[in-house]
Amino acid sequence: MSTMTETLRKDEALFIPSDTDTEEYIPKVAGEYLGHITEASTLTREFKNRDGELNKALIFNFKVLVAHENTRNTYQYIHSGETHTTNGAPYVGAIFQADGVFRFLEPTGGDHFVSNSEGNKRYMRFCETVGVTIDTEERTVNGRTIKVKVLPELKTSDIEGTPVIASVDRGNDWVNSDGETRPSWKVKYVKTWSDGKRLALTTTNDLPF
């Protein structure tokens, strides 16, 4: 039988698993995860609302990358009919897709879509979460002077790397190539991670070649 030294040849590196090594199955679960916003993108769409009216929105799509600090969290999952508890370490590095955040646009002269300013509440909360100040101004609406929130137009660079607490829940299930139904997990909304640090993301412009 070869010894370890005899097994290794010059400049070679091996992984020889232990006879007792077993890979523990830890599924994703609903809960709150500490992470950073990544892969942010935007698109503009027009669509009809429930009343058949045309709205227009700038949609922010992004993902959340689970951070190392998530190890301090605790989660429960069911495996083989039994409830297990784990810390957040197994989820570090996991990526969750977020539901899109809509910024409904206001029509100007010549536009065929209608306002849906009341639908901007989620966008307003999102701006607050990523640390953007929202100004309040007096405007005349339908002959009345009222105070309104003037929502900023975020750029993807404003939100990339922002530390957040992602509230994750089950999304639409999907079917794989074997015909098996699999769950998907989506970020339903994000909250402020008060002691989180902004993540410095590397772009192609940062690479030394």
Protein backbone atom coordinates (compact mmCIF):
# COMPACT_ATOMS: atom_id res chain seq x y z
CA MET A 1 0.00 0.00 0.00
CA SER A 2 1.34 3.43 -0.95
CA THR A 3 2.07 5.99 1.73
CA MET A 4 0.83 9.58 1.38
CA THR A 5 4.33 10.69 0.34
CA GLU A 6 4.47 8.00 -2.32
CA THR A 7 0.99 8.89 -3.56
CA LEU A 8 1.96 12.52 -4.18
CA ARG A 9 4.13 13.23 -7.17
CA LYS A 10 6.11 16.47 -7.64
CA ASP A 11 3.94 19.60 -8.03
CA GLU A 12 0.77 17.56 -7.54
CA ALA A 13 -2.07 18.43 -5.18
CA LEU A 14 -4.80 15.98 -4.23
CA PHE A 15 -7.93 15.88 -2.13
CA ILE A 16 -8.46 12.48 -0.53
CA PRO A 17 -11.82 12.44 1.27
CA SER A 18 -12.14 10.90 4.70
CA ASP A 19 -14.07 7.66 4.99
CA THR A 20 -16.33 9.43 7.49
CA ASP A 21 -16.98 12.54 5.37
CA THR A 22 -20.67 13.06 4.60
CA GLU A 23 -22.18 16.08 2.92
CA GLU A 24 -25.01 17.52 4.98
CA TYR A 25 -28.02 18.71 3.00
CA ILE A 26 -29.09 22.21 4.07
CA PRO A 27 -31.83 23.70 1.87
CA LYS A 28 -32.61 27.36 1.41
CA VAL A 29 -35.42 28.59 3.62
CA ALA A 30 -37.56 31.67 4.11
CA GLY A 31 -36.10 34.25 6.46
CA GLU A 32 -33.90 37.31 6.71
CA TYR A 33 -30.40 37.27 5.26
CA LEU A 34 -27.57 39.80 5.65
CA GLY A 35 -26.13 40.65 2.26
CA HIS A 36 -25.27 43.20 -0.41
CA ILE A 37 -27.06 44.34 -3.54
CA THR A 38 -25.33 43.12 -6.70
CA GLU A 39 -26.00 42.86 -10.45
CA ALA A 40 -28.37 45.82 -10.47
CA SER A 41 -30.03 46.72 -13.77
CA THR A 42 -32.97 48.79 -15.00
CA LEU A 43 -35.53 48.64 -17.76
CA THR A 44 -38.50 50.81 -18.72
CA ARG A 45 -41.86 49.24 -19.49
CA GLU A 46 -45.41 50.28 -20.31
CA PHE A 47 -48.26 48.03 -19.20
CA LYS A 48 -51.97 48.13 -18.46
CA ASN A 49 -53.19 48.20 -14.86
CA ARG A 50 -56.27 46.42 -13.51
CA ASP A 51 -58.50 49.21 -14.79
CA GLY A 52 -57.12 48.87 -18.29
CA GLU A 53 -55.19 52.15 -18.07
CA LEU A 54 -51.65 52.44 -19.34
CA ASN A 55 -48.86 52.96 -16.80
CA LYS A 56 -45.14 53.42 -17.36
CA ALA A 57 -42.41 52.46 -14.90
CA LEU A 58 -38.66 52.28 -14.52
CA ILE A 59 -38.01 48.85 -13.00
CA PHE A 60 -34.99 48.12 -10.81
CA ASN A 61 -33.83 44.50 -10.83
CA PHE A 62 -31.05 43.24 -8.61
CA LYS A 63 -29.72 40.29 -6.64
CA VAL A 64 -28.56 39.97 -3.03
CA LEU A 65 -25.26 38.24 -2.25
CA VAL A 66 -25.32 36.76 1.26
CA ALA A 67 -22.49 38.20 3.37
CA HIS A 68 -20.07 36.55 5.81
CA GLU A 69 -21.79 38.36 8.69
CA ASN A 70 -24.84 36.20 8.03
CA THR A 71 -23.17 33.45 10.06
CA ARG A 72 -24.65 35.03 13.20
CA ASN A 73 -28.21 34.32 12.06
CA THR A 74 -30.14 31.15 12.87
CA TYR A 75 -32.45 29.17 10.57
CA GLN A 76 -34.63 26.10 10.80
CA TYR A 77 -35.25 23.61 8.02
CA ILE A 78 -36.91 20.22 7.61
CA HIS A 79 -34.96 17.27 6.25
CA SER A 80 -36.11 13.64 6.21
CA GLY A 81 -39.15 14.65 8.23
CA GLU A 82 -37.14 16.16 11.07
CA THR A 83 -36.61 19.81 12.05
CA HIS A 84 -32.98 20.94 12.14
CA THR A 85 -31.35 24.20 13.22
CA THR A 86 -28.32 25.78 11.57
CA ASN A 87 -26.44 29.04 11.78
CA GLY A 88 -26.16 31.24 8.71
CA ALA A 89 -22.75 29.97 7.58
CA PRO A 90 -24.07 27.51 4.95
CA TYR A 91 -25.78 30.38 3.13
CA VAL A 92 -22.76 32.69 2.89
CA GLY A 93 -22.12 33.34 -0.80
CA ALA A 94 -25.64 32.36 -1.84
CA ILE A 95 -27.36 34.67 -4.31
CA PHE A 96 -31.06 35.52 -4.23
CA GLN A 97 -32.91 37.25 -7.07
CA ALA A 98 -35.11 40.15 -5.93
CA ASP A 99 -38.58 41.04 -7.09
CA GLY A 100 -38.35 44.15 -9.26
CA VAL A 101 -38.89 47.56 -7.66
CA PHE A 102 -41.12 49.82 -9.77
CA ARG A 103 -40.66 53.59 -10.07
CA PHE A 104 -43.89 54.75 -11.74
CA LEU A 105 -43.30 57.72 -14.02
CA GLU A 106 -45.39 60.87 -14.34
CA PRO A 107 -46.82 61.70 -17.78
CA THR A 108 -45.92 64.94 -19.51
CA GLY A 109 -47.39 66.58 -22.58
CA GLY A 110 -48.03 64.09 -25.36
CA ASP A 111 -47.70 60.97 -23.19
CA HIS A 112 -50.45 58.37 -23.46
CA PHE A 113 -49.94 56.73 -20.06
CA VAL A 114 -51.50 57.86 -16.78
CA SER A 115 -50.02 58.58 -13.36
CA ASN A 116 -49.76 55.91 -10.68
CA SER A 117 -48.02 57.94 -7.99
CA GLU A 118 -49.70 55.91 -5.23
CA GLY A 119 -47.87 52.86 -6.55
CA ASN A 120 -44.51 54.44 -5.68
CA LYS A 121 -44.71 53.63 -1.96
CA ARG A 122 -42.49 50.57 -2.33
CA TYR A 123 -39.96 52.57 -4.36
CA MET A 124 -39.95 55.29 -1.68
CA ARG A 125 -39.20 52.67 1.01
CA PHE A 126 -36.47 51.24 -1.19
CA CYS A 127 -34.83 54.68 -1.53
CA GLU A 128 -34.90 55.08 2.26
CA THR A 129 -33.37 51.62 2.71
CA VAL A 130 -30.39 52.41 0.48
CA GLY A 131 -29.80 55.69 2.32
CA VAL A 132 -31.16 58.23 -0.15
CA THR A 133 -32.75 61.40 1.27
CA ILE A 134 -36.26 62.12 -0.01
CA ASP A 135 -37.34 65.76 -0.21
CA THR A 136 -40.86 67.01 0.56
CA GLU A 137 -42.33 69.86 -1.50
CA GLU A 138 -45.66 71.63 -1.82
CA ARG A 139 -47.41 71.01 -5.13
CA THR A 140 -50.83 71.92 -6.52
CA VAL A 141 -52.75 68.76 -7.37
CA ASN A 142 -56.35 68.92 -8.63
CA GLY A 143 -56.63 72.51 -7.39
CA ARG A 144 -55.31 71.72 -3.90
CA THR A 145 -51.91 72.53 -2.44
CA ILE A 146 -50.51 69.44 -0.76
CA LYS A 147 -47.15 68.14 0.41
CA VAL A 148 -45.67 65.46 -1.81
CA LYS A 149 -42.55 63.32 -1.71
CA VAL A 150 -40.23 64.07 -4.62
CA LEU A 151 -38.69 60.72 -5.43
CA PRO A 152 -35.15 60.68 -6.85
CA GLU A 153 -34.14 58.71 -9.92
CA LEU A 154 -31.69 56.16 -8.62
CA LYS A 155 -28.85 54.85 -10.75
CA THR A 156 -27.58 51.30 -10.52
CA SER A 157 -24.29 52.70 -9.18
CA ASP A 158 -26.25 54.20 -6.26
CA ILE A 159 -27.41 50.80 -5.05
CA GLU A 160 -24.60 48.41 -6.06
CA GLY A 161 -22.85 47.05 -2.97
CA THR A 162 -25.40 48.50 -0.52
CA PRO A 163 -25.67 46.43 2.69
CA VAL A 164 -29.24 45.24 3.26
CA ILE A 165 -31.32 42.78 5.21
CA ALA A 166 -33.09 40.72 2.56
CA SER A 167 -36.48 39.25 3.41
CA VAL A 168 -36.57 36.01 1.42
CA ASP A 169 -39.64 33.89 0.76
CA ARG A 170 -40.69 31.18 -1.63
CA GLY A 171 -41.32 32.26 -5.20
CA ASN A 172 -42.82 30.34 -8.12
CA ASP A 173 -41.79 26.70 -8.32
CA TRP A 174 -40.11 25.48 -11.49
CA VAL A 175 -39.69 22.11 -13.22
CA ASN A 176 -36.23 20.79 -14.07
CA SER A 177 -35.22 18.67 -17.07
CA ASP A 178 -36.13 15.50 -15.14
CA GLY A 179 -39.68 16.72 -14.62
CA GLU A 180 -39.09 17.37 -10.92
CA THR A 181 -40.67 20.40 -9.24
CA ARG A 182 -38.14 22.64 -7.51
CA PRO A 183 -38.72 25.65 -5.26
CA SER A 184 -37.36 29.10 -6.02
CA TRP A 185 -36.54 31.72 -3.41
CA LYS A 186 -36.96 35.45 -4.01
CA VAL A 187 -36.10 38.63 -2.13
CA LYS A 188 -39.52 40.16 -1.47
CA TYR A 189 -38.13 43.38 0.00
CA VAL A 190 -35.01 44.74 1.69
CA LYS A 191 -34.50 46.58 4.98
CA THR A 192 -31.67 48.72 6.30
CA TRP A 193 -28.68 46.80 7.63
CA SER A 194 -27.61 49.51 10.06
CA ASP A 195 -24.13 48.20 10.91
CA GLY A 196 -23.41 46.71 7.50
CA LYS A 197 -20.48 47.96 5.41
CA ARG A 198 -20.77 48.79 1.73
CA LEU A 199 -19.28 46.12 -0.50
CA ALA A 200 -16.61 47.24 -2.98
CA LEU A 201 -17.55 45.52 -6.21
CA THR A 202 -14.97 44.82 -8.90
CA THR A 203 -15.85 45.82 -12.44
CA THR A 204 -14.05 45.11 -15.70
CA ASN A 205 -12.58 48.62 -15.47
CA ASP A 206 -10.84 47.63 -12.24
CA LEU A 207 -9.01 44.64 -13.73
CA PRO A 208 -5.28 45.13 -14.46
CA PHE A 209 -5.47 43.93 -18.06
